[in-house]
N, C-alpha and C. Protein backbone atom coordinates (compact mmCIF):
# COMPACT_ATOMS: atom_id res chain seq x y z
N MET A 1 19.86 3.24 55.12
CA MET A 1 19.29 3.45 56.44
C MET A 1 17.90 2.85 56.47
N LEU A 2 17.55 2.29 57.61
CA LEU A 2 16.22 1.72 57.78
C LEU A 2 15.49 2.53 58.83
N VAL A 3 14.54 3.34 58.39
CA VAL A 3 13.78 4.20 59.29
C VAL A 3 12.58 3.43 59.82
N THR A 4 12.39 3.50 61.12
CA THR A 4 11.27 2.77 61.72
C THR A 4 10.15 3.72 62.11
N ARG A 5 8.95 3.19 62.11
CA ARG A 5 7.79 3.97 62.53
C ARG A 5 7.92 4.37 63.99
N ALA A 6 8.48 3.47 64.80
CA ALA A 6 8.65 3.77 66.22
C ALA A 6 9.56 4.98 66.43
N LEU A 7 10.64 5.04 65.62
CA LEU A 7 11.54 6.18 65.75
C LEU A 7 10.82 7.49 65.44
N GLU A 8 10.01 7.48 64.39
CA GLU A 8 9.30 8.70 64.02
C GLU A 8 8.29 9.12 65.09
N LEU A 9 7.68 8.14 65.75
CA LEU A 9 6.64 8.45 66.73
C LEU A 9 7.22 8.92 68.06
N PHE A 10 8.34 8.34 68.47
CA PHE A 10 8.86 8.61 69.79
C PHE A 10 10.05 9.57 69.83
N SER A 11 10.61 9.90 68.68
CA SER A 11 11.75 10.81 68.67
C SER A 11 11.31 12.22 69.08
N LEU A 12 12.17 12.91 69.82
CA LEU A 12 11.88 14.28 70.24
C LEU A 12 12.25 15.28 69.15
N ALA A 13 12.89 14.81 68.09
CA ALA A 13 13.28 15.69 66.98
C ALA A 13 12.58 15.23 65.70
N ASP A 14 12.58 16.10 64.72
CA ASP A 14 12.01 15.76 63.42
C ASP A 14 13.00 14.85 62.70
N VAL A 15 12.63 13.61 62.47
CA VAL A 15 13.55 12.60 61.99
C VAL A 15 13.89 12.77 60.51
N ASP A 16 12.91 13.03 59.67
CA ASP A 16 13.13 13.02 58.22
C ASP A 16 14.21 14.01 57.75
N PRO A 17 14.20 15.26 58.21
CA PRO A 17 15.28 16.17 57.78
C PRO A 17 16.66 15.69 58.22
N ALA A 18 16.73 15.11 59.40
CA ALA A 18 18.03 14.60 59.89
C ALA A 18 18.52 13.46 59.03
N ILE A 19 17.63 12.57 58.65
CA ILE A 19 18.00 11.43 57.81
C ILE A 19 18.44 11.91 56.43
N ALA A 20 17.70 12.87 55.87
CA ALA A 20 18.07 13.41 54.56
C ALA A 20 19.46 14.04 54.62
N ASN A 21 19.76 14.73 55.70
CA ASN A 21 21.06 15.37 55.86
C ASN A 21 22.18 14.34 55.97
N ILE A 22 21.94 13.27 56.73
CA ILE A 22 22.93 12.21 56.91
C ILE A 22 23.23 11.53 55.57
N ILE A 23 22.18 11.22 54.83
CA ILE A 23 22.36 10.54 53.54
C ILE A 23 23.10 11.44 52.56
N ALA A 24 22.72 12.72 52.49
CA ALA A 24 23.38 13.66 51.58
C ALA A 24 24.85 13.83 51.94
N PHE A 25 25.15 13.92 53.24
CA PHE A 25 26.54 14.08 53.68
C PHE A 25 27.36 12.85 53.34
N ASN A 26 26.76 11.67 53.51
CA ASN A 26 27.47 10.43 53.19
C ASN A 26 27.70 10.31 51.69
N LEU A 27 26.73 10.74 50.89
CA LEU A 27 26.87 10.71 49.43
C LEU A 27 28.05 11.58 49.00
N ALA A 28 28.07 12.83 49.48
CA ALA A 28 29.14 13.76 49.10
C ALA A 28 30.50 13.25 49.55
N GLY A 29 30.58 12.77 50.79
CA GLY A 29 31.85 12.27 51.30
C GLY A 29 32.35 11.04 50.56
N SER A 30 31.45 10.16 50.20
CA SER A 30 31.82 8.93 49.49
C SER A 30 32.34 9.24 48.09
N ILE A 31 31.62 10.11 47.37
CA ILE A 31 32.04 10.47 46.02
C ILE A 31 33.38 11.20 46.07
N ASP A 32 33.54 12.11 47.04
CA ASP A 32 34.81 12.82 47.19
C ASP A 32 35.97 11.86 47.41
N THR A 33 35.74 10.86 48.24
CA THR A 33 36.80 9.88 48.56
C THR A 33 37.21 9.09 47.33
N VAL A 34 36.22 8.64 46.56
CA VAL A 34 36.51 7.86 45.36
C VAL A 34 37.27 8.69 44.33
N ALA A 35 36.79 9.92 44.10
CA ALA A 35 37.44 10.79 43.12
C ALA A 35 38.84 11.19 43.57
N GLN A 36 38.97 11.51 44.86
CA GLN A 36 40.26 11.99 45.35
C GLN A 36 41.30 10.88 45.39
N THR A 37 40.88 9.66 45.63
CA THR A 37 41.81 8.54 45.61
C THR A 37 42.48 8.42 44.25
N GLU A 38 41.73 8.70 43.20
CA GLU A 38 42.29 8.68 41.85
C GLU A 38 43.17 9.90 41.62
N LEU A 39 42.71 11.07 42.03
CA LEU A 39 43.45 12.31 41.81
C LEU A 39 44.81 12.31 42.49
N ARG A 40 44.87 11.85 43.71
CA ARG A 40 46.12 11.93 44.47
C ARG A 40 47.14 10.85 44.07
N GLY A 41 46.81 10.09 43.07
CA GLY A 41 47.76 9.09 42.57
C GLY A 41 48.57 9.58 41.39
N GLY A 42 48.45 10.87 41.06
CA GLY A 42 49.17 11.41 39.92
C GLY A 42 50.68 11.39 40.12
N SER A 43 51.41 11.54 39.03
CA SER A 43 52.87 11.42 39.06
C SER A 43 53.58 12.75 39.28
N ASN A 44 52.88 13.87 39.20
CA ASN A 44 53.51 15.19 39.36
C ASN A 44 53.37 15.67 40.80
N VAL A 45 54.50 15.72 41.50
CA VAL A 45 54.48 16.02 42.93
C VAL A 45 55.47 17.13 43.26
N ILE A 46 55.05 18.05 44.13
CA ILE A 46 55.92 19.07 44.70
C ILE A 46 55.93 18.86 46.21
N TYR A 47 57.13 18.76 46.79
CA TYR A 47 57.25 18.51 48.22
C TYR A 47 57.52 19.80 48.97
N GLY A 48 56.99 19.88 50.20
CA GLY A 48 57.19 21.05 51.02
C GLY A 48 58.63 21.19 51.48
N GLY A 49 59.06 22.43 51.75
CA GLY A 49 60.42 22.68 52.20
C GLY A 49 61.44 22.24 51.17
N THR A 50 62.48 21.54 51.65
CA THR A 50 63.52 21.04 50.75
C THR A 50 63.41 19.52 50.60
N ARG A 51 62.28 18.98 50.98
CA ARG A 51 62.11 17.52 50.97
C ARG A 51 61.99 16.98 49.54
N THR A 52 62.33 15.71 49.43
CA THR A 52 62.27 15.06 48.12
C THR A 52 61.40 13.80 48.13
N ASN A 53 60.85 13.47 49.29
CA ASN A 53 59.94 12.33 49.36
C ASN A 53 59.00 12.50 50.56
N THR A 54 57.99 11.68 50.60
CA THR A 54 56.94 11.83 51.61
C THR A 54 57.43 11.54 53.02
N VAL A 55 58.22 10.51 53.20
CA VAL A 55 58.58 10.04 54.54
C VAL A 55 59.50 11.00 55.29
N THR A 56 60.03 12.02 54.61
CA THR A 56 60.90 12.99 55.29
C THR A 56 60.17 14.29 55.64
N ILE A 57 58.91 14.41 55.27
CA ILE A 57 58.17 15.64 55.52
C ILE A 57 57.81 15.77 56.99
N ALA A 58 58.10 16.94 57.56
CA ALA A 58 57.79 17.24 58.96
C ALA A 58 56.72 18.31 59.03
N ALA A 59 56.20 18.55 60.24
CA ALA A 59 55.17 19.56 60.43
C ALA A 59 55.65 20.95 60.04
N THR A 60 56.97 21.16 60.12
CA THR A 60 57.54 22.47 59.79
C THR A 60 57.64 22.72 58.29
N ASP A 61 57.42 21.70 57.48
CA ASP A 61 57.49 21.85 56.02
C ASP A 61 56.13 22.31 55.50
N THR A 62 55.77 23.52 55.86
CA THR A 62 54.46 24.05 55.51
C THR A 62 54.42 24.54 54.07
N ILE A 63 53.21 24.69 53.57
CA ILE A 63 53.03 25.15 52.20
C ILE A 63 53.41 26.63 52.07
N THR A 64 53.87 27.02 50.90
CA THR A 64 54.27 28.40 50.65
C THR A 64 53.66 28.88 49.33
N SER A 65 53.67 30.20 49.16
CA SER A 65 53.20 30.76 47.90
C SER A 65 54.05 30.29 46.74
N ALA A 66 55.35 30.06 47.02
CA ALA A 66 56.26 29.56 45.98
C ALA A 66 55.81 28.19 45.48
N ASN A 67 55.28 27.34 46.38
CA ASN A 67 54.78 26.04 45.96
C ASN A 67 53.61 26.21 44.99
N ILE A 68 52.70 27.12 45.30
CA ILE A 68 51.55 27.37 44.44
C ILE A 68 52.00 27.91 43.09
N ARG A 69 52.93 28.89 43.13
CA ARG A 69 53.42 29.47 41.88
C ARG A 69 54.08 28.42 41.00
N LYS A 70 54.84 27.52 41.62
CA LYS A 70 55.52 26.48 40.85
C LYS A 70 54.52 25.54 40.19
N ALA A 71 53.52 25.13 40.96
CA ALA A 71 52.51 24.21 40.42
C ALA A 71 51.76 24.86 39.26
N VAL A 72 51.38 26.14 39.42
CA VAL A 72 50.67 26.85 38.36
C VAL A 72 51.56 27.00 37.12
N ALA A 73 52.83 27.31 37.35
CA ALA A 73 53.77 27.44 36.23
C ALA A 73 53.91 26.13 35.47
N LYS A 74 53.97 25.02 36.21
CA LYS A 74 54.08 23.71 35.58
C LYS A 74 52.82 23.36 34.78
N LEU A 75 51.66 23.72 35.35
CA LEU A 75 50.41 23.46 34.64
C LEU A 75 50.34 24.24 33.34
N ARG A 76 50.75 25.50 33.40
CA ARG A 76 50.73 26.33 32.20
C ARG A 76 51.76 25.85 31.19
N SER A 77 52.93 25.45 31.68
CA SER A 77 53.97 24.95 30.77
C SER A 77 53.52 23.67 30.07
N GLY A 78 52.70 22.88 30.77
CA GLY A 78 52.18 21.64 30.19
C GLY A 78 50.96 21.84 29.32
N LEU A 79 50.64 23.11 29.04
CA LEU A 79 49.48 23.46 28.20
C LEU A 79 48.17 22.92 28.77
N SER A 80 48.08 22.92 30.10
CA SER A 80 46.85 22.49 30.74
C SER A 80 45.80 23.60 30.62
N VAL A 81 44.59 23.21 30.27
CA VAL A 81 43.50 24.18 30.12
C VAL A 81 42.99 24.57 31.50
N PRO A 82 42.97 25.87 31.84
CA PRO A 82 42.49 26.30 33.17
C PRO A 82 41.05 25.89 33.40
N ARG A 83 40.67 25.84 34.67
CA ARG A 83 39.32 25.43 35.02
C ARG A 83 38.32 26.57 34.91
N LYS A 84 38.75 27.79 35.25
CA LYS A 84 37.84 28.93 35.26
C LYS A 84 38.59 30.17 34.81
N GLY A 85 38.28 30.67 33.62
CA GLY A 85 39.02 31.79 33.09
C GLY A 85 40.47 31.37 32.86
N SER A 86 41.39 32.08 33.49
CA SER A 86 42.80 31.73 33.38
C SER A 86 43.31 31.02 34.63
N MET A 87 42.41 30.63 35.51
CA MET A 87 42.80 30.06 36.80
C MET A 87 42.58 28.55 36.88
N TYR A 88 43.44 27.92 37.66
CA TYR A 88 43.33 26.48 37.93
C TYR A 88 42.65 26.26 39.27
N TRP A 89 42.02 25.09 39.38
CA TRP A 89 41.36 24.73 40.64
C TRP A 89 42.39 24.25 41.64
N CYS A 90 42.24 24.65 42.91
CA CYS A 90 43.11 24.17 43.98
C CYS A 90 42.25 23.71 45.14
N GLY A 91 42.35 22.43 45.49
CA GLY A 91 41.69 21.89 46.67
C GLY A 91 42.68 21.90 47.82
N ILE A 92 42.31 22.52 48.94
CA ILE A 92 43.25 22.71 50.03
C ILE A 92 42.58 22.41 51.37
N HIS A 93 43.31 21.77 52.27
CA HIS A 93 42.79 21.46 53.60
C HIS A 93 42.80 22.74 54.45
N PRO A 94 41.83 22.93 55.35
CA PRO A 94 41.80 24.14 56.18
C PRO A 94 43.08 24.38 56.97
N GLU A 95 43.73 23.31 57.45
CA GLU A 95 44.95 23.49 58.24
C GLU A 95 46.13 23.89 57.36
N VAL A 96 46.08 23.55 56.08
CA VAL A 96 47.10 23.99 55.14
C VAL A 96 46.81 25.41 54.70
N SER A 97 45.54 25.71 54.48
CA SER A 97 45.12 27.07 54.12
C SER A 97 45.54 28.06 55.20
N HIS A 98 45.47 27.65 56.44
CA HIS A 98 45.88 28.50 57.56
C HIS A 98 47.33 28.94 57.41
N ASP A 99 48.20 28.01 57.08
CA ASP A 99 49.62 28.32 56.94
C ASP A 99 49.89 29.22 55.74
N LEU A 100 49.20 28.95 54.63
CA LEU A 100 49.41 29.75 53.42
C LEU A 100 49.00 31.20 53.66
N ARG A 101 47.87 31.40 54.32
CA ARG A 101 47.39 32.76 54.54
C ARG A 101 48.14 33.48 55.65
N ALA A 102 48.84 32.71 56.49
CA ALA A 102 49.62 33.32 57.57
C ALA A 102 51.04 33.67 57.12
N GLU A 103 51.39 33.28 55.89
CA GLU A 103 52.74 33.52 55.38
C GLU A 103 53.03 35.02 55.30
N THR A 104 54.23 35.40 55.70
CA THR A 104 54.61 36.82 55.70
C THR A 104 55.79 37.05 54.79
N GLY A 105 56.14 38.34 54.58
CA GLY A 105 57.27 38.67 53.74
C GLY A 105 56.83 39.08 52.35
N ALA A 106 57.80 39.54 51.57
CA ALA A 106 57.50 40.05 50.23
C ALA A 106 56.91 38.99 49.32
N GLY A 107 57.32 37.73 49.51
CA GLY A 107 56.82 36.67 48.64
C GLY A 107 55.64 35.94 49.23
N GLY A 108 55.12 36.44 50.36
CA GLY A 108 54.05 35.74 51.04
C GLY A 108 52.67 36.10 50.54
N TRP A 109 51.69 35.66 51.30
CA TRP A 109 50.29 35.85 50.93
C TRP A 109 49.97 37.33 50.79
N ARG A 110 49.43 37.68 49.63
CA ARG A 110 48.99 39.04 49.39
C ARG A 110 47.47 39.05 49.33
N LEU A 111 46.90 40.22 49.48
CA LEU A 111 45.45 40.32 49.49
C LEU A 111 44.89 39.73 48.21
N PRO A 112 44.14 38.64 48.30
CA PRO A 112 43.61 38.02 47.09
C PRO A 112 42.39 38.77 46.56
N HIS A 113 41.94 38.35 45.42
CA HIS A 113 40.73 38.92 44.84
C HIS A 113 39.56 38.67 45.79
N GLU A 114 38.86 39.71 46.17
CA GLU A 114 37.70 39.57 47.03
C GLU A 114 36.46 39.52 46.15
N TYR A 115 35.70 38.45 46.30
CA TYR A 115 34.56 38.24 45.42
C TYR A 115 33.46 39.28 45.67
N ASN A 116 32.90 39.78 44.58
CA ASN A 116 31.78 40.72 44.67
C ASN A 116 30.45 39.99 44.66
N SER A 117 30.47 38.72 44.29
CA SER A 117 29.26 37.91 44.23
C SER A 117 29.35 36.77 45.24
N ASN A 118 28.22 36.45 45.85
CA ASN A 118 28.20 35.35 46.82
C ASN A 118 28.23 33.99 46.16
N GLU A 119 28.06 33.95 44.85
CA GLU A 119 27.98 32.66 44.14
C GLU A 119 29.22 31.82 44.36
N ASN A 120 30.41 32.44 44.25
CA ASN A 120 31.65 31.69 44.43
C ASN A 120 31.83 31.24 45.87
N ILE A 121 31.43 32.11 46.81
CA ILE A 121 31.57 31.76 48.22
C ILE A 121 30.69 30.56 48.56
N TRP A 122 29.49 30.55 48.01
CA TRP A 122 28.59 29.42 48.26
C TRP A 122 29.16 28.12 47.72
N ALA A 123 29.99 28.21 46.69
CA ALA A 123 30.61 27.01 46.11
C ALA A 123 31.80 26.53 46.94
N GLY A 124 32.10 27.22 48.04
CA GLY A 124 33.18 26.78 48.93
C GLY A 124 34.50 27.46 48.67
N GLU A 125 34.53 28.41 47.74
CA GLU A 125 35.80 29.08 47.43
C GLU A 125 36.16 30.09 48.52
N ILE A 126 37.47 30.22 48.79
CA ILE A 126 37.93 31.18 49.78
C ILE A 126 38.68 32.33 49.13
N GLY A 127 38.91 32.27 47.82
CA GLY A 127 39.58 33.35 47.12
C GLY A 127 40.42 32.82 45.98
N SER A 128 40.95 33.75 45.19
CA SER A 128 41.85 33.39 44.10
C SER A 128 43.20 34.03 44.35
N TYR A 129 44.27 33.31 43.98
CA TYR A 129 45.61 33.76 44.34
C TYR A 129 46.64 33.02 43.50
N GLU A 130 47.62 33.73 42.97
CA GLU A 130 48.74 33.13 42.23
C GLU A 130 48.29 32.23 41.08
N GLY A 131 47.20 32.61 40.40
CA GLY A 131 46.76 31.85 39.23
C GLY A 131 45.87 30.67 39.54
N ALA A 132 45.39 30.57 40.79
CA ALA A 132 44.50 29.47 41.16
C ALA A 132 43.37 30.00 42.03
N TYR A 133 42.22 29.35 41.95
CA TYR A 133 41.14 29.67 42.89
C TYR A 133 41.03 28.51 43.88
N PHE A 134 40.87 28.86 45.15
CA PHE A 134 41.01 27.90 46.23
C PHE A 134 39.65 27.46 46.78
N VAL A 135 39.51 26.14 46.91
CA VAL A 135 38.33 25.56 47.55
C VAL A 135 38.82 24.82 48.79
N GLU A 136 38.36 25.26 49.94
CA GLU A 136 38.81 24.70 51.21
C GLU A 136 37.88 23.55 51.62
N SER A 137 38.47 22.40 51.95
CA SER A 137 37.66 21.25 52.34
C SER A 137 38.42 20.38 53.33
N ALA A 138 37.74 20.02 54.40
CA ALA A 138 38.33 19.13 55.40
C ALA A 138 38.47 17.71 54.87
N ARG A 139 37.87 17.43 53.71
CA ARG A 139 37.97 16.10 53.12
C ARG A 139 39.26 15.90 52.34
N MET A 140 40.03 16.95 52.13
CA MET A 140 41.30 16.79 51.40
C MET A 140 42.18 15.79 52.15
N TYR A 141 42.74 14.85 51.41
CA TYR A 141 43.40 13.69 52.01
C TYR A 141 44.65 14.09 52.80
N ASN A 142 44.81 13.44 53.95
CA ASN A 142 46.04 13.56 54.73
C ASN A 142 46.27 12.25 55.47
N ASP A 143 47.53 11.99 55.78
CA ASP A 143 47.88 10.73 56.45
C ASP A 143 49.13 10.95 57.29
N THR A 144 49.32 10.11 58.28
CA THR A 144 50.49 10.22 59.15
C THR A 144 51.65 9.41 58.57
N ASP A 145 52.04 9.76 57.35
CA ASP A 145 53.10 9.03 56.67
C ASP A 145 54.35 9.88 56.46
N GLY A 146 54.50 10.92 57.29
CA GLY A 146 55.69 11.75 57.21
C GLY A 146 56.76 11.32 58.20
N ALA A 147 57.74 12.17 58.44
CA ALA A 147 58.82 11.87 59.38
C ALA A 147 58.26 11.73 60.79
N SER A 148 58.62 10.66 61.47
CA SER A 148 58.13 10.38 62.84
C SER A 148 56.61 10.44 62.89
N SER A 149 55.96 9.89 61.89
CA SER A 149 54.50 9.83 61.78
C SER A 149 53.85 11.21 61.71
N ALA A 150 54.57 12.18 61.18
CA ALA A 150 53.99 13.51 60.99
C ALA A 150 52.86 13.45 59.97
N LYS A 151 51.85 14.29 60.17
CA LYS A 151 50.73 14.32 59.24
C LYS A 151 51.13 15.04 57.96
N VAL A 152 50.89 14.39 56.83
CA VAL A 152 51.22 14.95 55.52
C VAL A 152 49.92 15.22 54.76
N TYR A 153 49.78 16.44 54.29
CA TYR A 153 48.57 16.87 53.58
C TYR A 153 48.82 16.87 52.08
N ARG A 154 47.76 16.59 51.32
CA ARG A 154 47.81 16.64 49.86
C ARG A 154 46.97 17.81 49.36
N THR A 155 47.64 18.80 48.80
CA THR A 155 46.97 19.92 48.16
C THR A 155 47.01 19.67 46.66
N ILE A 156 45.87 19.77 46.00
CA ILE A 156 45.78 19.40 44.59
C ILE A 156 45.44 20.61 43.73
N LEU A 157 46.21 20.79 42.65
CA LEU A 157 45.91 21.81 41.65
C LEU A 157 45.64 21.11 40.34
N ALA A 158 44.59 21.54 39.65
CA ALA A 158 44.18 20.81 38.45
C ALA A 158 43.60 21.72 37.39
N GLY A 159 43.80 21.31 36.13
CA GLY A 159 43.16 21.93 34.99
C GLY A 159 41.97 21.10 34.56
N LYS A 160 41.38 21.45 33.43
CA LYS A 160 40.16 20.79 32.98
C LYS A 160 40.35 19.32 32.62
N GLU A 161 41.53 18.96 32.13
CA GLU A 161 41.72 17.59 31.64
C GLU A 161 42.35 16.67 32.68
N ALA A 162 42.36 17.09 33.93
CA ALA A 162 43.01 16.29 34.96
C ALA A 162 42.34 14.93 35.14
N MET A 163 41.01 14.91 35.09
CA MET A 163 40.31 13.67 35.38
C MET A 163 39.07 13.54 34.50
N ALA A 164 38.79 12.31 34.11
CA ALA A 164 37.58 12.01 33.34
C ALA A 164 36.58 11.30 34.25
N GLU A 165 35.32 11.55 33.99
CA GLU A 165 34.25 10.93 34.77
C GLU A 165 33.30 10.21 33.83
N ALA A 166 33.00 8.97 34.14
CA ALA A 166 32.03 8.19 33.37
C ALA A 166 30.84 7.90 34.27
N VAL A 167 29.65 8.26 33.81
CA VAL A 167 28.45 8.11 34.63
C VAL A 167 27.41 7.28 33.90
N ALA A 168 27.04 6.17 34.51
CA ALA A 168 25.93 5.37 33.98
C ALA A 168 24.62 5.80 34.64
N GLU A 169 24.72 6.18 35.91
CA GLU A 169 23.55 6.67 36.64
C GLU A 169 24.02 7.66 37.69
N GLU A 170 23.47 8.87 37.65
CA GLU A 170 23.87 9.90 38.60
C GLU A 170 23.52 9.47 40.04
N PRO A 171 24.38 9.81 41.00
CA PRO A 171 24.04 9.52 42.41
C PRO A 171 22.75 10.22 42.81
N HIS A 172 21.90 9.51 43.48
CA HIS A 172 20.62 10.08 43.89
C HIS A 172 20.07 9.31 45.08
N VAL A 173 19.16 9.93 45.79
CA VAL A 173 18.54 9.30 46.95
C VAL A 173 17.48 8.31 46.48
N VAL A 174 17.46 7.15 47.13
CA VAL A 174 16.51 6.09 46.79
C VAL A 174 15.67 5.77 48.01
N ILE A 175 14.37 5.74 47.83
CA ILE A 175 13.46 5.31 48.90
C ILE A 175 12.96 3.92 48.52
N GLY A 176 13.35 2.94 49.31
CA GLY A 176 13.03 1.56 48.99
C GLY A 176 11.58 1.21 49.27
N PRO A 177 11.15 0.05 48.80
CA PRO A 177 9.75 -0.37 49.00
C PRO A 177 9.49 -0.76 50.46
N VAL A 178 8.30 -0.43 50.92
CA VAL A 178 7.87 -0.85 52.27
C VAL A 178 7.20 -2.21 52.13
N ILE A 179 7.89 -3.24 52.60
CA ILE A 179 7.36 -4.60 52.43
C ILE A 179 6.79 -5.16 53.73
N ASP A 180 6.95 -4.41 54.80
CA ASP A 180 6.35 -4.82 56.07
C ASP A 180 4.85 -4.55 56.03
N GLN A 181 4.03 -5.51 56.38
CA GLN A 181 2.58 -5.38 56.27
C GLN A 181 2.02 -4.29 57.17
N LEU A 182 2.73 -3.97 58.24
CA LEU A 182 2.27 -2.90 59.13
C LEU A 182 2.95 -1.57 58.81
N MET A 183 3.74 -1.55 57.74
CA MET A 183 4.41 -0.33 57.27
C MET A 183 5.25 0.32 58.37
N ARG A 184 6.02 -0.53 59.07
CA ARG A 184 6.85 -0.02 60.16
C ARG A 184 8.26 0.34 59.71
N PHE A 185 8.71 -0.21 58.59
CA PHE A 185 10.11 -0.03 58.17
C PHE A 185 10.18 0.60 56.78
N ARG A 186 10.90 1.73 56.68
CA ARG A 186 11.04 2.44 55.40
C ARG A 186 12.53 2.59 55.07
N PRO A 187 13.05 1.79 54.13
CA PRO A 187 14.47 1.89 53.77
C PRO A 187 14.74 3.13 52.92
N MET A 188 15.83 3.81 53.22
CA MET A 188 16.26 4.98 52.46
C MET A 188 17.77 4.93 52.29
N GLY A 189 18.25 5.41 51.17
CA GLY A 189 19.69 5.42 50.93
C GLY A 189 20.01 6.21 49.67
N TRP A 190 21.23 6.07 49.21
CA TRP A 190 21.60 6.71 47.94
C TRP A 190 22.30 5.68 47.07
N TYR A 191 22.24 5.94 45.77
CA TYR A 191 22.76 4.97 44.81
C TYR A 191 23.27 5.70 43.58
N GLY A 192 24.34 5.21 43.00
CA GLY A 192 24.86 5.78 41.77
C GLY A 192 25.84 4.82 41.13
N VAL A 193 25.98 4.91 39.82
CA VAL A 193 26.94 4.07 39.09
C VAL A 193 27.82 5.02 38.28
N LEU A 194 29.06 5.19 38.73
CA LEU A 194 29.97 6.11 38.06
C LEU A 194 31.40 5.78 38.45
N GLY A 195 32.33 6.35 37.70
CA GLY A 195 33.74 6.10 37.99
C GLY A 195 34.60 7.26 37.53
N PHE A 196 35.82 7.32 38.06
CA PHE A 196 36.76 8.40 37.76
C PHE A 196 38.11 7.82 37.35
N LYS A 197 38.81 8.53 36.47
CA LYS A 197 40.14 8.11 36.05
C LYS A 197 40.95 9.34 35.67
N ARG A 198 42.21 9.36 36.11
CA ARG A 198 43.08 10.45 35.67
C ARG A 198 43.18 10.41 34.15
N TYR A 199 43.06 11.59 33.53
CA TYR A 199 43.00 11.65 32.08
C TYR A 199 44.28 12.19 31.47
N ARG A 200 44.82 13.29 32.02
CA ARG A 200 46.04 13.89 31.48
C ARG A 200 46.91 14.36 32.63
N GLU A 201 48.05 13.70 32.80
CA GLU A 201 48.92 13.98 33.95
C GLU A 201 49.44 15.42 33.95
N ALA A 202 49.65 16.01 32.77
CA ALA A 202 50.18 17.38 32.70
C ALA A 202 49.19 18.39 33.27
N ALA A 203 47.94 18.00 33.47
CA ALA A 203 46.91 18.89 33.99
C ALA A 203 46.71 18.71 35.49
N LEU A 204 47.62 18.01 36.14
CA LEU A 204 47.41 17.67 37.56
C LEU A 204 48.72 17.73 38.34
N TYR A 205 48.72 18.50 39.43
CA TYR A 205 49.85 18.56 40.35
C TYR A 205 49.34 18.48 41.77
N ARG A 206 50.13 17.86 42.63
CA ARG A 206 49.78 17.87 44.04
C ARG A 206 51.00 18.31 44.86
N ILE A 207 50.72 18.99 45.94
CA ILE A 207 51.75 19.49 46.85
C ILE A 207 51.62 18.74 48.17
N LEU A 208 52.72 18.15 48.62
CA LEU A 208 52.76 17.44 49.88
C LEU A 208 53.46 18.29 50.92
N ASN A 209 52.81 18.49 52.04
CA ASN A 209 53.39 19.36 53.06
C ASN A 209 52.83 19.04 54.44
N GLY A 210 53.50 19.58 55.45
CA GLY A 210 52.99 19.47 56.82
C GLY A 210 52.16 20.69 57.15
N SER A 211 51.82 20.84 58.43
CA SER A 211 51.05 22.00 58.86
C SER A 211 51.42 22.35 60.30
N SER A 212 51.47 23.64 60.57
CA SER A 212 51.82 24.10 61.92
C SER A 212 50.69 23.87 62.91
N VAL A 213 49.50 23.59 62.43
CA VAL A 213 48.35 23.38 63.32
C VAL A 213 47.85 21.94 63.24
N ALA A 214 48.70 21.04 62.80
CA ALA A 214 48.29 19.64 62.60
C ALA A 214 47.81 19.06 63.93
């Protein structure tokens, strides 16, 4: 971003906090996209309903507790190391989380562990259930690649060895040099040198499903 002196002088709002927020949001979103592109390419897949491939998934093929239980069972059978205690990490889209928590019946959503500390809530967790702790994020990947262009969501469950990260330089905000003699232009941005790669397939499962609120 190139911040101008004119913008700072004539803006009716405080510019610097807004710019910092925009850069931070872009940093988080960009890193999430890069990491998730690698994660969602794993070979272990569970399809919603009775489907066996992506192109047949419809909005009615919503996620179920049975899908979560199966993924956790597979992770444990593959000797995947849990992420926190005995639980695996689960990244879930809000529209998929809606269906899971609305599930009824004996095998449906039961009252999950309610956190006594705000620490987990601040980290984005919505609760723990069926051997996994859930982090809800609108950045979880989805695409209109289902039946009749239905939106298909990717819910990811992972253990510690699911992905490796190599970092040469941590992502951070950079304030560039002011080279304008009147100091009118101040470049700001973020920069980092890092990469992600799936490390152990047995530690990674994804669930493909539709959503009733797509």
